[in-house]
Amino acid sequence: MAGGSAPLDTKHGQYLGTWGNLGSQKQKGITTYSISANRQRPLAGTLNAAVFNTWRRCRAQALYVIPPFAVAYLAMNWAVEKNEYYNSKTGRIHDAEAADAATQGGTVRG
């Protein structure tokens, strides 16, 4: 072990191993079980879980998404109706009457 590149136990002079793999005695009595990759079902239940998980997540976010969209829809619907009224014959007549009343010092309603 020349060059000092390997960490040594100064008391016993034994190799300790690299960082994170400090040397120790081999473990005994640990049994590991595994199953062949051909026997596993990696996508078992995926479609069923995806449907119900998607439903659960959408339901949890509904109160954050639906009210702002409802308010935006109602505001847009009101604006479109108001625009159609202002660009119709009755809307133009009402606007002309309001302009006449404003120039003559009357109150404007509308």
PDB file of N, CA and C in Angstrom:
ATOM      1  N   MET A   1       0.838  -1.165   0.000  1.00  0.00           N
ATOM      2  CA  MET A   1       0.000   0.000   0.000  1.00  0.00           C
ATOM      3  C   MET A   1       0.886   1.232   0.000  1.00  0.00           C
ATOM      4  N   ALA A   2       1.584   1.408  -1.054  1.00  0.00           N
ATOM      5  CA  ALA A   2       2.496   2.532  -1.151  1.00  0.00           C
ATOM      6  C   ALA A   2       1.757   3.760  -1.644  1.00  0.00           C
ATOM      7  N   GLY A   3       2.297   4.900  -1.306  1.00  0.00           N
ATOM      8  CA  GLY A   3       1.749   6.150  -1.805  1.00  0.00           C
ATOM      9  C   GLY A   3       0.680   6.744  -0.926  1.00  0.00           C
ATOM     10  N   GLY A   4       0.204   6.038   0.046  1.00  0.00           N
ATOM     11  CA  GLY A   4      -0.790   6.569   0.959  1.00  0.00           C
ATOM     12  C   GLY A   4      -2.157   6.804   0.336  1.00  0.00           C
ATOM     13  N   SER A   5      -2.466   6.148  -0.801  1.00  0.00           N
ATOM     14  CA  SER A   5      -3.753   6.385  -1.448  1.00  0.00           C
ATOM     15  C   SER A   5      -4.874   5.590  -0.800  1.00  0.00           C
ATOM     16  N   ALA A   6      -4.540   4.519  -0.128  1.00  0.00           N
ATOM     17  CA  ALA A   6      -5.571   3.694   0.502  1.00  0.00           C
ATOM     18  C   ALA A   6      -5.646   4.021   1.985  1.00  0.00           C
ATOM     19  N   PRO A   7      -6.846   4.229   2.515  1.00  0.00           N
ATOM     20  CA  PRO A   7      -6.963   4.515   3.936  1.00  0.00           C
ATOM     21  C   PRO A   7      -6.656   3.268   4.764  1.00  0.00           C
ATOM     22  N   LEU A   8      -5.840   3.451   5.748  1.00  0.00           N
ATOM     23  CA  LEU A   8      -5.459   2.334   6.612  1.00  0.00           C
ATOM     24  C   LEU A   8      -5.942   2.583   8.022  1.00  0.00           C
ATOM     25  N   ASP A   9      -6.280   1.500   8.677  1.00  0.00           N
ATOM     26  CA  ASP A   9      -6.576   1.563  10.098  1.00  0.00           C
ATOM     27  C   ASP A   9      -5.219   1.646  10.779  1.00  0.00           C
ATOM     28  N   THR A  10      -4.931   2.774  11.409  1.00  0.00           N
ATOM     29  CA  THR A  10      -3.595   2.987  11.964  1.00  0.00           C
ATOM     30  C   THR A  10      -3.297   2.037  13.111  1.00  0.00           C
ATOM     31  N   LYS A  11      -4.316   1.592  13.794  1.00  0.00           N
ATOM     32  CA  LYS A  11      -4.080   0.705  14.927  1.00  0.00           C
ATOM     33  C   LYS A  11      -3.757  -0.709  14.474  1.00  0.00           C
ATOM     34  N   HIS A  12      -4.515  -1.211  13.463  1.00  0.00           N
ATOM     35  CA  HIS A  12      -4.341  -2.601  13.050  1.00  0.00           C
ATOM     36  C   HIS A  12      -3.658  -2.744  11.702  1.00  0.00           C
ATOM     37  N   GLY A  13      -3.530  -1.657  10.930  1.00  0.00           N
ATOM     38  CA  GLY A  13      -2.854  -1.723   9.639  1.00  0.00           C
ATOM     39  C   GLY A  13      -3.677  -2.412   8.578  1.00  0.00           C
ATOM     40  N   GLN A  14      -4.986  -2.376   8.690  1.00  0.00           N
ATOM     41  CA  GLN A  14      -5.841  -3.039   7.705  1.00  0.00           C
ATOM     42  C   GLN A  14      -6.493  -2.004   6.791  1.00  0.00           C
ATOM     43  N   TYR A  15      -6.800  -2.422   5.594  1.00  0.00           N
ATOM     44  CA  TYR A  15      -7.462  -1.560   4.608  1.00  0.00           C
ATOM     45  C   TYR A  15      -8.907  -1.328   5.044  1.00  0.00           C
ATOM     46  N   LEU A  16      -9.319  -0.061   5.053  1.00  0.00           N
ATOM     47  CA  LEU A  16     -10.670   0.281   5.495  1.00  0.00           C
ATOM     48  C   LEU A  16     -11.678   0.353   4.352  1.00  0.00           C
ATOM     49  N   GLY A  17     -11.246   0.510   3.139  1.00  0.00           N
ATOM     50  CA  GLY A  17     -12.172   0.650   2.013  1.00  0.00           C
ATOM     51  C   GLY A  17     -12.307   2.113   1.623  1.00  0.00           C
ATOM     52  N   THR A  18     -12.997   2.353   0.522  1.00  0.00           N
ATOM     53  CA  THR A  18     -13.176   3.720   0.029  1.00  0.00           C
ATOM     54  C   THR A  18     -14.267   4.429   0.832  1.00  0.00           C
ATOM     55  N   TRP A  19     -14.371   5.748   0.619  1.00  0.00           N
ATOM     56  CA  TRP A  19     -15.357   6.527   1.353  1.00  0.00           C
ATOM     57  C   TRP A  19     -16.759   6.012   1.031  1.00  0.00           C
ATOM     58  N   GLY A  20     -17.556   5.780   2.043  1.00  0.00           N
ATOM     59  CA  GLY A  20     -18.898   5.243   1.866  1.00  0.00           C
ATOM     60  C   GLY A  20     -18.940   3.738   1.882  1.00  0.00           C
ATOM     61  N   ASN A  21     -17.807   3.103   1.689  1.00  0.00           N
ATOM     62  CA  ASN A  21     -17.712   1.653   1.720  1.00  0.00           C
ATOM     63  C   ASN A  21     -16.644   1.256   2.719  1.00  0.00           C
ATOM     64  N   LEU A  22     -16.726   1.783   3.902  1.00  0.00           N
ATOM     65  CA  LEU A  22     -15.709   1.450   4.883  1.00  0.00           C
ATOM     66  C   LEU A  22     -15.754  -0.040   5.155  1.00  0.00           C
ATOM     67  N   GLY A  23     -14.592  -0.626   5.162  1.00  0.00           N
ATOM     68  CA  GLY A  23     -14.515  -2.081   5.252  1.00  0.00           C
ATOM     69  C   GLY A  23     -15.073  -2.649   6.540  1.00  0.00           C
ATOM     70  N   SER A  24     -15.725  -3.744   6.417  1.00  0.00           N
ATOM     71  CA  SER A  24     -16.217  -4.476   7.569  1.00  0.00           C
ATOM     72  C   SER A  24     -16.273  -5.942   7.181  1.00  0.00           C
ATOM     73  N   GLN A  25     -16.575  -6.767   8.148  1.00  0.00           N
ATOM     74  CA  GLN A  25     -16.653  -8.187   7.853  1.00  0.00           C
ATOM     75  C   GLN A  25     -17.854  -8.461   6.970  1.00  0.00           C
ATOM     76  N   LYS A  26     -17.743  -9.490   6.179  1.00  0.00           N
ATOM     77  CA  LYS A  26     -18.847  -9.853   5.308  1.00  0.00           C
ATOM     78  C   LYS A  26     -20.032 -10.267   6.152  1.00  0.00           C
ATOM     79  N   GLN A  27     -21.203  -9.821   5.731  1.00  0.00           N
ATOM     80  CA  GLN A  27     -22.418 -10.124   6.472  1.00  0.00           C
ATOM     81  C   GLN A  27     -22.851 -11.553   6.191  1.00  0.00           C
ATOM     82  N   LYS A  28     -23.378 -12.183   7.212  1.00  0.00           N
ATOM     83  CA  LYS A  28     -23.851 -13.557   7.075  1.00  0.00           C
ATOM     84  C   LYS A  28     -25.297 -13.620   7.511  1.00  0.00           C
ATOM     85  N   GLY A  29     -26.017 -14.539   6.958  1.00  0.00           N
ATOM     86  CA  GLY A  29     -27.391 -14.777   7.363  1.00  0.00           C
ATOM     87  C   GLY A  29     -28.404 -13.840   6.738  1.00  0.00           C
ATOM     88  N   ILE A  30     -28.024 -13.083   5.729  1.00  0.00           N
ATOM     89  CA  ILE A  30     -28.967 -12.196   5.044  1.00  0.00           C
ATOM     90  C   ILE A  30     -29.377 -12.885   3.756  1.00  0.00           C
ATOM     91  N   THR A  31     -30.669 -13.161   3.637  1.00  0.00           N
ATOM     92  CA  THR A  31     -31.186 -13.841   2.463  1.00  0.00           C
ATOM     93  C   THR A  31     -31.938 -12.837   1.609  1.00  0.00           C
ATOM     94  N   THR A  32     -31.671 -12.846   0.335  1.00  0.00           N
ATOM     95  CA  THR A  32     -32.327 -11.933  -0.588  1.00  0.00           C
ATOM     96  C   THR A  32     -33.156 -12.747  -1.565  1.00  0.00           C
ATOM     97  N   TYR A  33     -34.399 -12.342  -1.748  1.00  0.00           N
ATOM     98  CA  TYR A  33     -35.280 -13.011  -2.685  1.00  0.00           C
ATOM     99  C   TYR A  33     -35.602 -12.054  -3.819  1.00  0.00           C
ATOM    100  N   SER A  34     -35.735 -12.583  -4.988  1.00  0.00           N
ATOM    101  CA  SER A  34     -36.112 -11.752  -6.134  1.00  0.00           C
ATOM    102  C   SER A  34     -36.963 -12.584  -7.076  1.00  0.00           C
ATOM    103  N   ILE A  35     -37.632 -11.895  -7.954  1.00  0.00           N
ATOM    104  CA  ILE A  35     -38.474 -12.570  -8.932  1.00  0.00           C
ATOM    105  C   ILE A  35     -37.959 -12.218 -10.317  1.00  0.00           C
ATOM    106  N   SER A  36     -38.093 -13.136 -11.217  1.00  0.00           N
ATOM    107  CA  SER A  36     -37.621 -12.921 -12.571  1.00  0.00           C
ATOM    108  C   SER A  36     -38.383 -11.777 -13.227  1.00  0.00           C
ATOM    109  N   ALA A  37     -37.708 -11.017 -14.058  1.00  0.00           N
ATOM    110  CA  ALA A  37     -38.347  -9.907 -14.759  1.00  0.00           C
ATOM    111  C   ALA A  37     -39.449 -10.408 -15.685  1.00  0.00           C
ATOM    112  N   ASN A  38     -39.335 -11.648 -16.158  1.00  0.00           N
ATOM    113  CA  ASN A  38     -40.358 -12.201 -17.036  1.00  0.00           C
ATOM    114  C   ASN A  38     -41.635 -12.545 -16.275  1.00  0.00           C
ATOM    115  N   ARG A  39     -41.559 -12.700 -14.970  1.00  0.00           N
ATOM    116  CA  ARG A  39     -42.714 -13.080 -14.166  1.00  0.00           C
ATOM    117  C   ARG A  39     -43.433 -11.863 -13.575  1.00  0.00           C
ATOM    118  N   GLN A  40     -42.810 -10.710 -13.604  1.00  0.00           N
ATOM    119  CA  GLN A  40     -43.422  -9.524 -13.030  1.00  0.00           C
ATOM    120  C   GLN A  40     -44.462  -8.949 -13.983  1.00  0.00           C
ATOM    121  N   ARG A  41     -45.392  -8.218 -13.417  1.00  0.00           N
ATOM    122  CA  ARG A  41     -46.390  -7.508 -14.212  1.00  0.00           C
ATOM    123  C   ARG A  41     -46.222  -6.022 -13.925  1.00  0.00           C
ATOM    124  N   PRO A  42     -45.318  -5.341 -14.593  1.00  0.00           N
ATOM    125  CA  PRO A  42     -45.015  -3.954 -14.248  1.00  0.00           C
ATOM    126  C   PRO A  42     -46.175  -2.987 -14.487  1.00  0.00           C
ATOM    127  N   LEU A  43     -47.093  -3.320 -15.373  1.00  0.00           N
ATOM    128  CA  LEU A  43     -48.203  -2.411 -15.658  1.00  0.00           C
ATOM    129  C   LEU A  43     -49.533  -2.937 -15.116  1.00  0.00           C
ATOM    130  N   ALA A  44     -49.483  -3.847 -14.171  1.00  0.00           N
ATOM    131  CA  ALA A  44     -50.718  -4.405 -13.615  1.00  0.00           C
ATOM    132  C   ALA A  44     -51.485  -3.323 -12.860  1.00  0.00           C
ATOM    133  N   GLY A  45     -52.724  -3.109 -13.236  1.00  0.00           N
ATOM    134  CA  GLY A  45     -53.580  -2.145 -12.550  1.00  0.00           C
ATOM    135  C   GLY A  45     -53.302  -0.697 -12.893  1.00  0.00           C
ATOM    136  N   THR A  46     -52.450  -0.432 -13.853  1.00  0.00           N
ATOM    137  CA  THR A  46     -52.083   0.945 -14.184  1.00  0.00           C
ATOM    138  C   THR A  46     -53.264   1.723 -14.748  1.00  0.00           C
ATOM    139  N   LEU A  47     -53.990   1.125 -15.674  1.00  0.00           N
ATOM    140  CA  LEU A  47     -55.109   1.823 -16.298  1.00  0.00           C
ATOM    141  C   LEU A  47     -56.196   2.129 -15.266  1.00  0.00           C
ATOM    142  N   ASN A  48     -56.517   1.162 -14.431  1.00  0.00           N
ATOM    143  CA  ASN A  48     -57.535   1.357 -13.401  1.00  0.00           C
ATOM    144  C   ASN A  48     -57.086   2.430 -12.401  1.00  0.00           C
ATOM    145  N   ALA A  49     -55.851   2.362 -11.965  1.00  0.00           N
ATOM    146  CA  ALA A  49     -55.337   3.344 -11.008  1.00  0.00           C
ATOM    147  C   ALA A  49     -55.277   4.731 -11.639  1.00  0.00           C
ATOM    148  N   ALA A  50     -54.943   4.811 -12.912  1.00  0.00           N
ATOM    149  CA  ALA A  50     -54.843   6.112 -13.578  1.00  0.00           C
ATOM    150  C   ALA A  50     -56.200   6.795 -13.646  1.00  0.00           C
ATOM    151  N   VAL A  51     -57.242   6.046 -13.924  1.00  0.00           N
ATOM    152  CA  VAL A  51     -58.580   6.633 -14.027  1.00  0.00           C
ATOM    153  C   VAL A  51     -59.012   7.189 -12.675  1.00  0.00           C
ATOM    154  N   PHE A  52     -58.901   6.385 -11.636  1.00  0.00           N
ATOM    155  CA  PHE A  52     -59.377   6.822 -10.327  1.00  0.00           C
ATOM    156  C   PHE A  52     -58.468   7.891  -9.718  1.00  0.00           C
ATOM    157  N   ASN A  53     -57.168   7.812  -9.971  1.00  0.00           N
ATOM    158  CA  ASN A  53     -56.258   8.831  -9.459  1.00  0.00           C
ATOM    159  C   ASN A  53     -56.515  10.173 -10.153  1.00  0.00           C
ATOM    160  N   THR A  54     -56.773  10.138 -11.453  1.00  0.00           N
ATOM    161  CA  THR A  54     -57.081  11.364 -12.181  1.00  0.00           C
ATOM    162  C   THR A  54     -58.381  11.980 -11.669  1.00  0.00           C
ATOM    163  N   TRP A  55     -59.393  11.170 -11.436  1.00  0.00           N
ATOM    164  CA  TRP A  55     -60.659  11.664 -10.898  1.00  0.00           C
ATOM    165  C   TRP A  55     -60.451  12.299  -9.526  1.00  0.00           C
ATOM    166  N   ARG A  56     -59.679  11.661  -8.673  1.00  0.00           N
ATOM    167  CA  ARG A  56     -59.440  12.180  -7.326  1.00  0.00           C
ATOM    168  C   ARG A  56     -58.718  13.520  -7.382  1.00  0.00           C
ATOM    169  N   ARG A  57     -57.711  13.623  -8.240  1.00  0.00           N
ATOM    170  CA  ARG A  57     -56.948  14.870  -8.321  1.00  0.00           C
ATOM    171  C   ARG A  57     -57.771  15.998  -8.926  1.00  0.00           C
ATOM    172  N   CYS A  58     -58.578  15.705  -9.933  1.00  0.00           N
ATOM    173  CA  CYS A  58     -59.425  16.745 -10.542  1.00  0.00           C
ATOM    174  C   CYS A  58     -60.482  17.208  -9.554  1.00  0.00           C
ATOM    175  N   ARG A  59     -61.062  16.281  -8.804  1.00  0.00           N
ATOM    176  CA  ARG A  59     -62.082  16.652  -7.822  1.00  0.00           C
ATOM    177  C   ARG A  59     -61.481  17.544  -6.731  1.00  0.00           C
ATOM    178  N   ALA A  60     -60.237  17.274  -6.357  1.00  0.00           N
ATOM    179  CA  ALA A  60     -59.586  18.071  -5.319  1.00  0.00           C
ATOM    180  C   ALA A  60     -59.296  19.500  -5.792  1.00  0.00           C
ATOM    181  N   GLN A  61     -59.116  19.705  -7.091  1.00  0.00           N
ATOM    182  CA  GLN A  61     -58.785  21.023  -7.621  1.00  0.00           C
ATOM    183  C   GLN A  61     -59.994  21.781  -8.159  1.00  0.00           C
ATOM    184  N   ALA A  62     -61.179  21.157  -8.126  1.00  0.00           N
ATOM    185  CA  ALA A  62     -62.358  21.762  -8.751  1.00  0.00           C
ATOM    186  C   ALA A  62     -62.707  23.120  -8.139  1.00  0.00           C
ATOM    187  N   LEU A  63     -62.642  23.253  -6.826  1.00  0.00           N
ATOM    188  CA  LEU A  63     -63.021  24.519  -6.201  1.00  0.00           C
ATOM    189  C   LEU A  63     -62.013  25.632  -6.452  1.00  0.00           C
ATOM    190  N   TYR A  64     -60.829  25.284  -6.910  1.00  0.00           N
ATOM    191  CA  TYR A  64     -59.843  26.306  -7.268  1.00  0.00           C
ATOM    192  C   TYR A  64     -59.987  26.757  -8.722  1.00  0.00           C
ATOM    193  N   VAL A  65     -60.585  25.929  -9.559  1.00  0.00           N
ATOM    194  CA  VAL A  65     -60.631  26.202 -10.987  1.00  0.00           C
ATOM    195  C   VAL A  65     -62.006  26.687 -11.434  1.00  0.00           C
ATOM    196  N   ILE A  66     -63.078  26.052 -10.971  1.00  0.00           N
ATOM    197  CA  ILE A  66     -64.414  26.337 -11.491  1.00  0.00           C
ATOM    198  C   ILE A  66     -64.897  27.751 -11.158  1.00  0.00           C
ATOM    199  N   PRO A  67     -64.800  28.250  -9.918  1.00  0.00           N
ATOM    200  CA  PRO A  67     -65.317  29.606  -9.653  1.00  0.00           C
ATOM    201  C   PRO A  67     -64.673  30.719 -10.492  1.00  0.00           C
ATOM    202  N   PRO A  68     -63.345  30.757 -10.657  1.00  0.00           N
ATOM    203  CA  PRO A  68     -62.794  31.813 -11.519  1.00  0.00           C
ATOM    204  C   PRO A  68     -63.274  31.710 -12.975  1.00  0.00           C
ATOM    205  N   PHE A  69     -63.399  30.477 -13.471  1.00  0.00           N
ATOM    206  CA  PHE A  69     -63.890  30.319 -14.839  1.00  0.00           C
ATOM    207  C   PHE A  69     -65.347  30.737 -14.947  1.00  0.00           C
ATOM    208  N   ALA A  70     -66.153  30.461 -13.926  1.00  0.00           N
ATOM    209  CA  ALA A  70     -67.556  30.871 -13.940  1.00  0.00           C
ATOM    210  C   ALA A  70     -67.670  32.395 -13.928  1.00  0.00           C
ATOM    211  N   VAL A  71     -66.878  33.055 -13.095  1.00  0.00           N
ATOM    212  CA  VAL A  71     -66.897  34.518 -13.054  1.00  0.00           C
ATOM    213  C   VAL A  71     -66.443  35.099 -14.393  1.00  0.00           C
ATOM    214  N   ALA A  72     -65.406  34.542 -14.965  1.00  0.00           N
ATOM    215  CA  ALA A  72     -64.915  35.034 -16.257  1.00  0.00           C
ATOM    216  C   ALA A  72     -65.953  34.814 -17.354  1.00  0.00           C
ATOM    217  N   TYR A  73     -66.639  33.670 -17.330  1.00  0.00           N
ATOM    218  CA  TYR A  73     -67.677  33.400 -18.331  1.00  0.00           C
ATOM    219  C   TYR A  73     -68.829  34.385 -18.194  1.00  0.00           C
ATOM    220  N   LEU A  74     -69.288  34.624 -16.960  1.00  0.00           N
ATOM    221  CA  LEU A  74     -70.395  35.550 -16.747  1.00  0.00           C
ATOM    222  C   LEU A  74     -70.019  36.971 -17.160  1.00  0.00           C
ATOM    223  N   ALA A  75     -68.794  37.399 -16.838  1.00  0.00           N
ATOM    224  CA  ALA A  75     -68.347  38.740 -17.233  1.00  0.00           C
ATOM    225  C   ALA A  75     -68.269  38.864 -18.757  1.00  0.00           C
ATOM    226  N   MET A  76     -67.758  37.835 -19.409  1.00  0.00           N
ATOM    227  CA  MET A  76     -67.647  37.872 -20.868  1.00  0.00           C
ATOM    228  C   MET A  76     -69.028  37.857 -21.516  1.00  0.00           C
ATOM    229  N   ASN A  77     -69.930  37.064 -20.962  1.00  0.00           N
ATOM    230  CA  ASN A  77     -71.294  37.005 -21.491  1.00  0.00           C
ATOM    231  C   ASN A  77     -71.982  38.368 -21.335  1.00  0.00           C
ATOM    232  N   TRP A  78     -71.828  39.016 -20.194  1.00  0.00           N
ATOM    233  CA  TRP A  78     -72.400  40.342 -19.970  1.00  0.00           C
ATOM    234  C   TRP A  78     -71.821  41.345 -20.978  1.00  0.00           C
ATOM    235  N   ALA A  79     -70.508  41.298 -21.188  1.00  0.00           N
ATOM    236  CA  ALA A  79     -69.856  42.241 -22.109  1.00  0.00           C
ATOM    237  C   ALA A  79     -70.323  42.033 -23.543  1.00  0.00           C
ATOM    238  N   VAL A  80     -70.496  40.787 -23.962  1.00  0.00           N
ATOM    239  CA  VAL A  80     -70.954  40.516 -25.331  1.00  0.00           C
ATOM    240  C   VAL A  80     -72.382  41.027 -25.514  1.00  0.00           C
ATOM    241  N   GLU A  81     -73.254  40.761 -24.530  1.00  0.00           N
ATOM    242  CA  GLU A  81     -74.638  41.254 -24.634  1.00  0.00           C
ATOM    243  C   GLU A  81     -74.691  42.777 -24.658  1.00  0.00           C
ATOM    244  N   LYS A  82     -73.880  43.410 -23.826  1.00  0.00           N
ATOM    245  CA  LYS A  82     -73.847  44.875 -23.782  1.00  0.00           C
ATOM    246  C   LYS A  82     -73.338  45.434 -25.115  1.00  0.00           C
ATOM    247  N   ASN A  83     -72.332  44.809 -25.689  1.00  0.00           N
ATOM    248  CA  ASN A  83     -71.782  45.245 -26.967  1.00  0.00           C
ATOM    249  C   ASN A  83     -72.814  45.074 -28.085  1.00  0.00           C
ATOM    250  N   GLU A  84     -73.526  43.948 -28.060  1.00  0.00           N
ATOM    251  CA  GLU A  84     -74.557  43.747 -29.088  1.00  0.00           C
ATOM    252  C   GLU A  84     -75.670  44.787 -28.952  1.00  0.00           C
ATOM    253  N   TYR A  85     -76.027  45.135 -27.727  1.00  0.00           N
ATOM    254  CA  TYR A  85     -77.056  46.158 -27.513  1.00  0.00           C
ATOM    255  C   TYR A  85     -76.576  47.526 -28.013  1.00  0.00           C
ATOM    256  N   TYR A  86     -75.340  47.885 -27.668  1.00  0.00           N
ATOM    257  CA  TYR A  86     -74.823  49.193 -28.097  1.00  0.00           C
ATOM    258  C   TYR A  86     -74.697  49.292 -29.614  1.00  0.00           C
ATOM    259  N   ASN A  87     -74.511  48.179 -30.289  1.00  0.00           N
ATOM    260  CA  ASN A  87     -74.377  48.196 -31.748  1.00  0.00           C
ATOM    261  C   ASN A  87     -75.690  47.870 -32.452  1.00  0.00           C
ATOM    262  N   SER A  88     -76.786  47.807 -31.717  1.00  0.00           N
ATOM    263  CA  SER A  88     -78.091  47.580 -32.327  1.00  0.00           C
ATOM    264  C   SER A  88     -78.786  48.930 -32.539  1.00  0.00           C
ATOM    265  N   LYS A  89     -79.931  48.877 -33.240  1.00  0.00           N
ATOM    266  CA  LYS A  89     -80.676  50.108 -33.529  1.00  0.00           C
ATOM    267  C   LYS A  89     -81.196  50.748 -32.238  1.00  0.00           C
ATOM    268  N   THR A  90     -81.753  49.939 -31.341  1.00  0.00           N
ATOM    269  CA  THR A  90     -82.285  50.489 -30.091  1.00  0.00           C
ATOM    270  C   THR A  90     -81.165  51.057 -29.220  1.00  0.00           C
ATOM    271  N   GLY A  91     -80.028  50.420 -29.227  1.00  0.00           N
ATOM    272  CA  GLY A  91     -78.902  50.917 -28.436  1.00  0.00           C
ATOM    273  C   GLY A  91     -78.397  52.251 -28.952  1.00  0.00           C
ATOM    274  N   ARG A  92     -78.360  52.405 -30.248  1.00  0.00           N
ATOM    275  CA  ARG A  92     -77.907  53.669 -30.833  1.00  0.00           C
ATOM    276  C   ARG A  92     -78.911  54.799 -30.554  1.00  0.00           C
ATOM    277  N   ILE A  93     -80.194  54.457 -30.597  1.00  0.00           N
ATOM    278  CA  ILE A  93     -81.213  55.469 -30.282  1.00  0.00           C
ATOM    279  C   ILE A  93     -81.085  55.898 -28.827  1.00  0.00           C
ATOM    280  N   HIS A  94     -80.910  54.937 -27.935  1.00  0.00           N
ATOM    281  CA  HIS A  94     -80.763  55.244 -26.509  1.00  0.00           C
ATOM    282  C   HIS A  94     -79.519  56.093 -26.273  1.00  0.00           C
ATOM    283  N   ASP A  95     -78.440  55.773 -26.965  1.00  0.00           N
ATOM    284  CA  ASP A  95     -77.207  56.529 -26.812  1.00  0.00           C
ATOM    285  C   ASP A  95     -77.387  57.966 -27.314  1.00  0.00           C
ATOM    286  N   ALA A  96     -78.114  58.125 -28.423  1.00  0.00           N
ATOM    287  CA  ALA A  96     -78.354  59.482 -28.963  1.00  0.00           C
ATOM    288  C   ALA A  96     -79.219  60.285 -27.996  1.00  0.00           C
ATOM    289  N   GLU A  97     -80.235  59.651 -27.406  1.00  0.00           N
ATOM    290  CA  GLU A  97     -81.082  60.341 -26.438  1.00  0.00           C
ATOM    291  C   GLU A  97     -80.276  60.732 -25.201  1.00  0.00           C
ATOM    292  N   ALA A  98     -79.398  59.861 -24.761  1.00  0.00           N
ATOM    293  CA  ALA A  98     -78.570  60.152 -23.596  1.00  0.00           C
ATOM    294  C   ALA A  98     -77.621  61.305 -23.884  1.00  0.00           C
ATOM    295  N   ALA A  99     -77.093  61.344 -25.094  1.00  0.00           N
ATOM    296  CA  ALA A  99     -76.195  62.448 -25.459  1.00  0.00           C
ATOM    297  C   ALA A  99     -76.954  63.765 -25.512  1.00  0.00           C
ATOM    298  N   ASP A 100     -78.187  63.749 -26.045  1.00  0.00           N
ATOM    299  CA  ASP A 100     -79.007  64.973 -26.087  1.00  0.00           C
ATOM    300  C   ASP A 100     -79.325  65.448 -24.674  1.00  0.00           C
ATOM    301  N   ALA A 101     -79.680  64.527 -23.806  1.00  0.00           N
ATOM    302  CA  ALA A 101     -80.017  64.899 -22.414  1.00  0.00           C
ATOM    303  C   ALA A 101     -78.807  65.454 -21.700  1.00  0.00           C
ATOM    304  N   ALA A 102     -77.642  64.945 -22.003  1.00  0.00           N
ATOM    305  CA  ALA A 102     -76.413  65.418 -21.342  1.00  0.00           C
ATOM    306  C   ALA A 102     -76.056  66.823 -21.801  1.00  0.00           C
ATOM    307  N   THR A 103     -76.301  67.131 -23.068  1.00  0.00           N
ATOM    308  CA  THR A 103     -75.968  68.478 -23.561  1.00  0.00           C
ATOM    309  C   THR A 103     -76.971  69.513 -23.101  1.00  0.00           C
ATOM    310  N   GLN A 104     -78.181  69.062 -22.740  1.00  0.00           N
ATOM    311  CA  GLN A 104     -79.201  70.003 -22.301  1.00  0.00           C
ATOM    312  C   GLN A 104     -79.279  70.083 -20.778  1.00  0.00           C
ATOM    313  N   GLY A 105     -78.387  69.444 -20.082  1.00  0.00           N
ATOM    314  CA  GLY A 105     -78.331  69.547 -18.624  1.00  0.00           C
ATOM    315  C   GLY A 105     -79.211  68.550 -17.902  1.00  0.00           C
ATOM    316  N   GLY A 106     -79.780  67.599 -18.578  1.00  0.00           N
ATOM    317  CA  GLY A 106     -80.622  66.588 -17.927  1.00  0.00           C
ATOM    318  C   GLY A 106     -79.780  65.468 -17.333  1.00  0.00           C
ATOM    319  N   THR A 107     -80.421  64.564 -16.649  1.00  0.00           N
ATOM    320  CA  THR A 107     -79.698  63.436 -16.065  1.00  0.00           C
ATOM    321  C   THR A 107     -79.654  62.291 -17.072  1.00  0.00           C
ATOM    322  N   VAL A 108     -78.597  61.550 -17.021  1.00  0.00           N
ATOM    323  CA  VAL A 108     -78.412  60.438 -17.937  1.00  0.00           C
ATOM    324  C   VAL A 108     -78.636  59.154 -17.171  1.00  0.00           C
ATOM    325  N   ARG A 109     -79.524  58.338 -17.686  1.00  0.00           N
ATOM    326  CA  ARG A 109     -79.766  57.027 -17.075  1.00  0.00           C
ATOM    327  C   ARG A 109     -79.384  55.962 -18.083  1.00  0.00           C
ATOM    328  N   GLY A 110     -78.803  54.909 -17.584  1.00  0.00           N
ATOM    329  CA  GLY A 110     -78.491  53.849 -18.539  1.00  0.00           C
ATOM    330  C   GLY A 110     -77.385  53.094 -18.118  1.00  0.00           C
TER     331      GLY A 110
END
